[in-house]
Protein backbone atom coordinates (compact mmCIF):
# COMPACT_ATOMS: atom_id res chain seq x y z
CA MET A 1 0.51 99.61 32.43
CA PHE A 2 1.74 98.69 28.96
CA ALA A 3 5.39 98.10 28.23
CA LYS A 4 7.02 100.30 25.65
CA GLU A 5 7.41 98.49 22.36
CA TYR A 6 10.51 98.90 20.22
CA ARG A 7 11.19 98.01 16.57
CA ASP A 8 13.35 94.98 17.33
CA LEU A 9 15.97 93.63 19.74
CA ALA A 10 18.65 96.10 18.63
CA ASP A 11 16.32 99.06 19.20
CA LEU A 12 15.26 97.65 22.58
CA LEU A 13 18.84 97.22 23.74
CA LEU A 14 19.90 100.61 22.44
CA ASN A 15 17.10 102.50 24.17
CA ASN A 16 16.36 100.50 27.31
CA GLY A 17 19.12 100.25 29.89
CA ARG A 18 17.27 97.64 31.91
CA ALA A 19 16.96 95.36 28.88
CA GLN A 20 20.59 95.97 28.00
CA ASN A 21 21.76 94.94 31.49
CA TYR A 22 19.54 91.86 31.45
CA TYR A 23 20.85 90.81 28.03
CA LYS A 24 24.50 91.36 29.02
CA GLY A 25 23.98 89.11 32.04
CA LEU A 26 22.85 86.17 29.92
CA PRO A 27 25.28 83.43 28.86
CA ASP A 28 26.68 83.75 25.33
CA ASN A 29 24.72 80.77 24.01
CA ILE A 30 21.44 82.29 25.21
CA GLN A 31 22.33 85.66 23.67
CA GLN A 32 23.03 83.90 20.39
CA ALA A 33 19.72 82.01 20.51
CA ILE A 34 17.88 85.24 21.25
CA SER A 35 19.55 87.04 18.35
CA HIS A 36 17.98 84.54 15.94
CA ASN A 37 14.58 85.94 16.95
CA SER A 38 15.63 89.58 17.10
CA SER A 39 12.86 90.89 14.85
CA GLU A 40 10.24 89.36 17.16
CA ILE A 41 11.68 90.80 20.38
CA ARG A 42 10.17 94.25 20.89
CA THR A 43 9.58 94.46 24.66
CA MET A 44 11.35 93.58 27.89
CA ARG A 45 8.70 90.92 28.45
CA SER A 46 9.39 89.25 25.10
CA LEU A 47 13.14 89.39 25.80
CA ARG A 48 12.62 87.51 29.06
CA HIS A 49 10.27 85.06 27.36
CA PHE A 50 12.78 84.18 24.63
CA ALA A 51 15.62 83.94 27.17
CA LYS A 52 13.68 81.52 29.35
CA ALA A 53 12.63 79.46 26.33
CA ALA A 54 16.25 79.26 25.15
CA GLN A 55 17.39 78.16 28.61
CA ARG A 56 14.73 75.42 28.72
CA THR A 57 15.74 74.06 25.34
CA GLY A 58 19.43 74.20 26.20
CA ARG A 59 20.42 76.43 23.30
């Protein structure tokens, strides 16, 4: 099963409640780090990937 792909992070968060809840649950510094890559985040999977990467690097 393929995940639905959105235009960018804003589109993903606007149209996917699960992604929105996940994003809201992240610390502010992780949200900020993710927003720098917003054009590359088009799926729930990529959102999780960028969040985990930001947590590992301590952003």
